[in-house]
Amino acid sequence: MPLATTPPRHPEAPVTDPDDETTRRLLHLRYAGAALEECRRTVCDAVVQARAVGVPWTQIGEALALSPQAARRQFGGSVDGAG
């Protein structure tokens, strides 16, 4: 996958020389990591909301391509902490 000339900069990323290939790749990696963390929070929130209305772990696991046990292991603490 070709790398964009200048990847979007995360607000907390240091301002550096975008012409340096290593710097561009590191900035891109930092941005991707921030996006991944946001996705994880979104999925966790969706699981908490689904459990709040009674969606069983079987269906949550299926929606996330996980076994019910894996879904509960991964997200059960968030649900238990939420209520």
N, C-alpha and C. Protein backbone atom coordinates (compact mmCIF):
# COMPACT_ATOMS: atom_id res chain seq x y z
N MET A 1 0.85 -1.17 0.00
CA MET A 1 0.00 0.00 0.00
C MET A 1 0.89 1.23 0.00
N PRO A 2 0.72 2.13 -0.97
CA PRO A 2 1.58 3.31 -1.01
C PRO A 2 1.29 4.24 0.16
N LEU A 3 2.32 4.85 0.66
CA LEU A 3 2.20 5.78 1.78
C LEU A 3 1.89 7.16 1.23
N ALA A 4 0.93 7.82 1.83
CA ALA A 4 0.59 9.19 1.41
C ALA A 4 1.81 10.07 1.61
N THR A 5 1.91 11.11 0.81
CA THR A 5 3.05 12.02 0.91
C THR A 5 3.19 12.56 2.32
N THR A 6 2.12 13.04 2.87
CA THR A 6 2.13 13.51 4.26
C THR A 6 0.90 12.94 4.95
N PRO A 7 1.08 11.95 5.82
CA PRO A 7 -0.09 11.36 6.49
C PRO A 7 -0.72 12.38 7.44
N PRO A 8 -2.00 12.19 7.73
CA PRO A 8 -2.63 13.10 8.69
C PRO A 8 -1.87 13.07 10.01
N ARG A 9 -1.73 14.22 10.63
CA ARG A 9 -0.96 14.31 11.87
C ARG A 9 -1.90 14.30 13.06
N HIS A 10 -1.64 13.39 13.97
CA HIS A 10 -2.39 13.34 15.22
C HIS A 10 -2.08 14.62 15.99
N PRO A 11 -3.06 15.19 16.68
CA PRO A 11 -2.83 16.47 17.38
C PRO A 11 -1.66 16.44 18.37
N GLU A 12 -1.36 15.28 18.96
CA GLU A 12 -0.29 15.22 19.93
C GLU A 12 1.07 14.86 19.31
N ALA A 13 1.08 14.62 18.01
CA ALA A 13 2.33 14.25 17.35
C ALA A 13 3.24 15.48 17.26
N PRO A 14 4.53 15.28 17.50
CA PRO A 14 5.45 16.41 17.39
C PRO A 14 5.56 16.88 15.94
N VAL A 15 5.76 18.15 15.76
CA VAL A 15 5.95 18.69 14.42
C VAL A 15 7.39 18.39 14.01
N THR A 16 7.54 17.67 12.92
CA THR A 16 8.87 17.29 12.43
C THR A 16 8.94 17.51 10.94
N ASP A 17 10.07 17.29 10.37
CA ASP A 17 10.30 17.47 8.94
C ASP A 17 9.59 16.37 8.15
N PRO A 18 8.49 16.69 7.43
CA PRO A 18 7.75 15.66 6.72
C PRO A 18 8.49 15.12 5.50
N ASP A 19 9.64 15.69 5.15
CA ASP A 19 10.39 15.19 4.00
C ASP A 19 11.23 13.98 4.37
N ASP A 20 11.47 13.75 5.62
CA ASP A 20 12.26 12.62 6.07
C ASP A 20 11.38 11.36 6.03
N GLU A 21 11.79 10.34 5.27
CA GLU A 21 11.00 9.12 5.10
C GLU A 21 10.71 8.45 6.45
N THR A 22 11.69 8.35 7.32
CA THR A 22 11.48 7.73 8.63
C THR A 22 10.46 8.51 9.43
N THR A 23 10.57 9.83 9.42
CA THR A 23 9.63 10.67 10.16
C THR A 23 8.23 10.49 9.62
N ARG A 24 8.07 10.47 8.30
CA ARG A 24 6.74 10.29 7.71
C ARG A 24 6.13 8.96 8.14
N ARG A 25 6.95 7.92 8.11
CA ARG A 25 6.43 6.60 8.49
C ARG A 25 6.07 6.54 9.97
N LEU A 26 6.87 7.17 10.81
CA LEU A 26 6.57 7.19 12.24
C LEU A 26 5.32 8.00 12.53
N LEU A 27 5.15 9.11 11.84
CA LEU A 27 3.93 9.90 12.01
C LEU A 27 2.70 9.11 11.57
N HIS A 28 2.85 8.41 10.46
CA HIS A 28 1.76 7.57 9.97
C HIS A 28 1.42 6.48 10.99
N LEU A 29 2.43 5.86 11.55
CA LEU A 29 2.23 4.83 12.56
C LEU A 29 1.55 5.39 13.80
N ARG A 30 1.97 6.57 14.23
CA ARG A 30 1.35 7.21 15.40
C ARG A 30 -0.12 7.49 15.13
N TYR A 31 -0.43 7.99 13.95
CA TYR A 31 -1.81 8.28 13.59
C TYR A 31 -2.63 6.99 13.55
N ALA A 32 -2.08 5.94 12.96
CA ALA A 32 -2.78 4.66 12.89
C ALA A 32 -3.03 4.09 14.29
N GLY A 33 -2.06 4.23 15.18
CA GLY A 33 -2.23 3.76 16.54
C GLY A 33 -3.35 4.50 17.26
N ALA A 34 -3.42 5.81 17.06
CA ALA A 34 -4.49 6.61 17.67
C ALA A 34 -5.85 6.19 17.11
N ALA A 35 -5.91 5.93 15.81
CA ALA A 35 -7.17 5.49 15.19
C ALA A 35 -7.58 4.12 15.72
N LEU A 36 -6.60 3.23 15.91
CA LEU A 36 -6.88 1.90 16.44
C LEU A 36 -7.45 2.00 17.86
N GLU A 37 -6.88 2.85 18.68
CA GLU A 37 -7.37 3.02 20.04
C GLU A 37 -8.80 3.56 20.04
N GLU A 38 -9.10 4.49 19.15
CA GLU A 38 -10.46 5.02 19.04
C GLU A 38 -11.43 3.91 18.62
N CYS A 39 -11.01 3.05 17.70
CA CYS A 39 -11.86 1.92 17.28
C CYS A 39 -12.11 0.97 18.45
N ARG A 40 -11.08 0.70 19.23
CA ARG A 40 -11.24 -0.18 20.39
C ARG A 40 -12.26 0.40 21.38
N ARG A 41 -12.17 1.70 21.62
CA ARG A 41 -13.14 2.34 22.53
C ARG A 41 -14.56 2.24 21.96
N THR A 42 -14.70 2.43 20.66
CA THR A 42 -16.01 2.36 20.02
C THR A 42 -16.61 0.96 20.15
N VAL A 43 -15.79 -0.07 19.90
CA VAL A 43 -16.27 -1.45 20.02
C VAL A 43 -16.65 -1.74 21.47
N CYS A 44 -15.83 -1.33 22.40
CA CYS A 44 -16.12 -1.55 23.82
C CYS A 44 -17.44 -0.88 24.21
N ASP A 45 -17.63 0.35 23.79
CA ASP A 45 -18.88 1.05 24.08
C ASP A 45 -20.08 0.32 23.47
N ALA A 46 -19.92 -0.19 22.25
CA ALA A 46 -21.01 -0.91 21.60
C ALA A 46 -21.35 -2.20 22.34
N VAL A 47 -20.33 -2.89 22.86
CA VAL A 47 -20.57 -4.11 23.62
C VAL A 47 -21.31 -3.78 24.91
N VAL A 48 -20.88 -2.73 25.60
CA VAL A 48 -21.55 -2.33 26.84
C VAL A 48 -23.02 -2.02 26.56
N GLN A 49 -23.29 -1.29 25.49
CA GLN A 49 -24.67 -0.93 25.14
C GLN A 49 -25.49 -2.17 24.76
N ALA A 50 -24.86 -3.08 24.02
CA ALA A 50 -25.57 -4.31 23.62
C ALA A 50 -25.93 -5.14 24.85
N ARG A 51 -24.98 -5.29 25.76
CA ARG A 51 -25.25 -6.07 26.97
C ARG A 51 -26.32 -5.39 27.83
N ALA A 52 -26.34 -4.07 27.83
CA ALA A 52 -27.32 -3.32 28.64
C ALA A 52 -28.75 -3.62 28.20
N VAL A 53 -28.93 -3.97 26.93
CA VAL A 53 -30.28 -4.30 26.44
C VAL A 53 -30.48 -5.81 26.30
N GLY A 54 -29.54 -6.58 26.86
CA GLY A 54 -29.73 -8.03 26.93
C GLY A 54 -29.20 -8.86 25.78
N VAL A 55 -28.40 -8.29 24.91
CA VAL A 55 -27.83 -9.08 23.82
C VAL A 55 -26.90 -10.13 24.43
N PRO A 56 -27.09 -11.41 24.09
CA PRO A 56 -26.25 -12.45 24.68
C PRO A 56 -24.83 -12.46 24.11
N TRP A 57 -23.90 -12.98 24.91
CA TRP A 57 -22.50 -13.07 24.49
C TRP A 57 -22.34 -13.86 23.20
N THR A 58 -23.23 -14.81 22.94
CA THR A 58 -23.16 -15.58 21.70
C THR A 58 -23.29 -14.66 20.49
N GLN A 59 -24.26 -13.77 20.53
CA GLN A 59 -24.47 -12.86 19.40
C GLN A 59 -23.38 -11.79 19.32
N ILE A 60 -22.92 -11.32 20.47
CA ILE A 60 -21.82 -10.34 20.46
C ILE A 60 -20.57 -10.96 19.86
N GLY A 61 -20.26 -12.17 20.30
CA GLY A 61 -19.10 -12.87 19.75
C GLY A 61 -19.23 -13.07 18.25
N GLU A 62 -20.40 -13.49 17.81
CA GLU A 62 -20.64 -13.70 16.39
C GLU A 62 -20.42 -12.41 15.59
N ALA A 63 -20.92 -11.30 16.12
CA ALA A 63 -20.78 -10.01 15.43
C ALA A 63 -19.32 -9.58 15.33
N LEU A 64 -18.50 -10.01 16.29
CA LEU A 64 -17.09 -9.63 16.32
C LEU A 64 -16.16 -10.74 15.83
N ALA A 65 -16.73 -11.80 15.28
CA ALA A 65 -15.95 -12.95 14.81
C ALA A 65 -15.13 -13.56 15.95
N LEU A 66 -15.76 -13.65 17.13
CA LEU A 66 -15.14 -14.25 18.32
C LEU A 66 -16.07 -15.32 18.85
N SER A 67 -15.52 -16.23 19.64
CA SER A 67 -16.39 -17.16 20.36
C SER A 67 -17.07 -16.37 21.47
N PRO A 68 -18.19 -16.87 21.98
CA PRO A 68 -18.83 -16.17 23.10
C PRO A 68 -17.88 -16.03 24.29
N GLN A 69 -17.08 -17.07 24.53
CA GLN A 69 -16.14 -17.03 25.64
C GLN A 69 -15.07 -15.96 25.43
N ALA A 70 -14.55 -15.87 24.22
CA ALA A 70 -13.52 -14.87 23.92
C ALA A 70 -14.10 -13.46 24.04
N ALA A 71 -15.32 -13.26 23.58
CA ALA A 71 -15.95 -11.94 23.69
C ALA A 71 -16.13 -11.56 25.15
N ARG A 72 -16.58 -12.53 25.95
CA ARG A 72 -16.79 -12.24 27.37
C ARG A 72 -15.47 -11.97 28.08
N ARG A 73 -14.43 -12.74 27.73
CA ARG A 73 -13.10 -12.50 28.32
C ARG A 73 -12.58 -11.11 27.96
N GLN A 74 -12.75 -10.74 26.70
CA GLN A 74 -12.21 -9.48 26.21
C GLN A 74 -12.99 -8.27 26.73
N PHE A 75 -14.30 -8.39 26.83
CA PHE A 75 -15.13 -7.23 27.14
C PHE A 75 -15.92 -7.34 28.43
N GLY A 76 -15.92 -8.49 29.06
CA GLY A 76 -16.70 -8.69 30.27
C GLY A 76 -16.36 -7.73 31.39
N GLY A 77 -15.08 -7.40 31.54
CA GLY A 77 -14.67 -6.45 32.59
C GLY A 77 -15.27 -5.07 32.36
N SER A 78 -15.38 -4.66 31.11
CA SER A 78 -15.98 -3.36 30.79
C SER A 78 -17.47 -3.36 31.14
N VAL A 79 -18.12 -4.47 30.85
CA VAL A 79 -19.55 -4.59 31.14
C VAL A 79 -19.76 -4.66 32.64
N ASP A 80 -18.94 -5.46 33.34
CA ASP A 80 -19.07 -5.59 34.79
C ASP A 80 -18.82 -4.24 35.46
N GLY A 81 -17.85 -3.49 34.94
CA GLY A 81 -17.54 -2.18 35.51
C GLY A 81 -18.61 -1.15 35.23
N ALA A 82 -19.38 -1.37 34.15
CA ALA A 82 -20.41 -0.41 33.75
C ALA A 82 -21.71 -0.62 34.52
N GLY A 83 -21.83 -1.73 35.15
CA GLY A 83 -23.08 -1.92 35.85
C GLY A 83 -23.22 -3.30 36.21
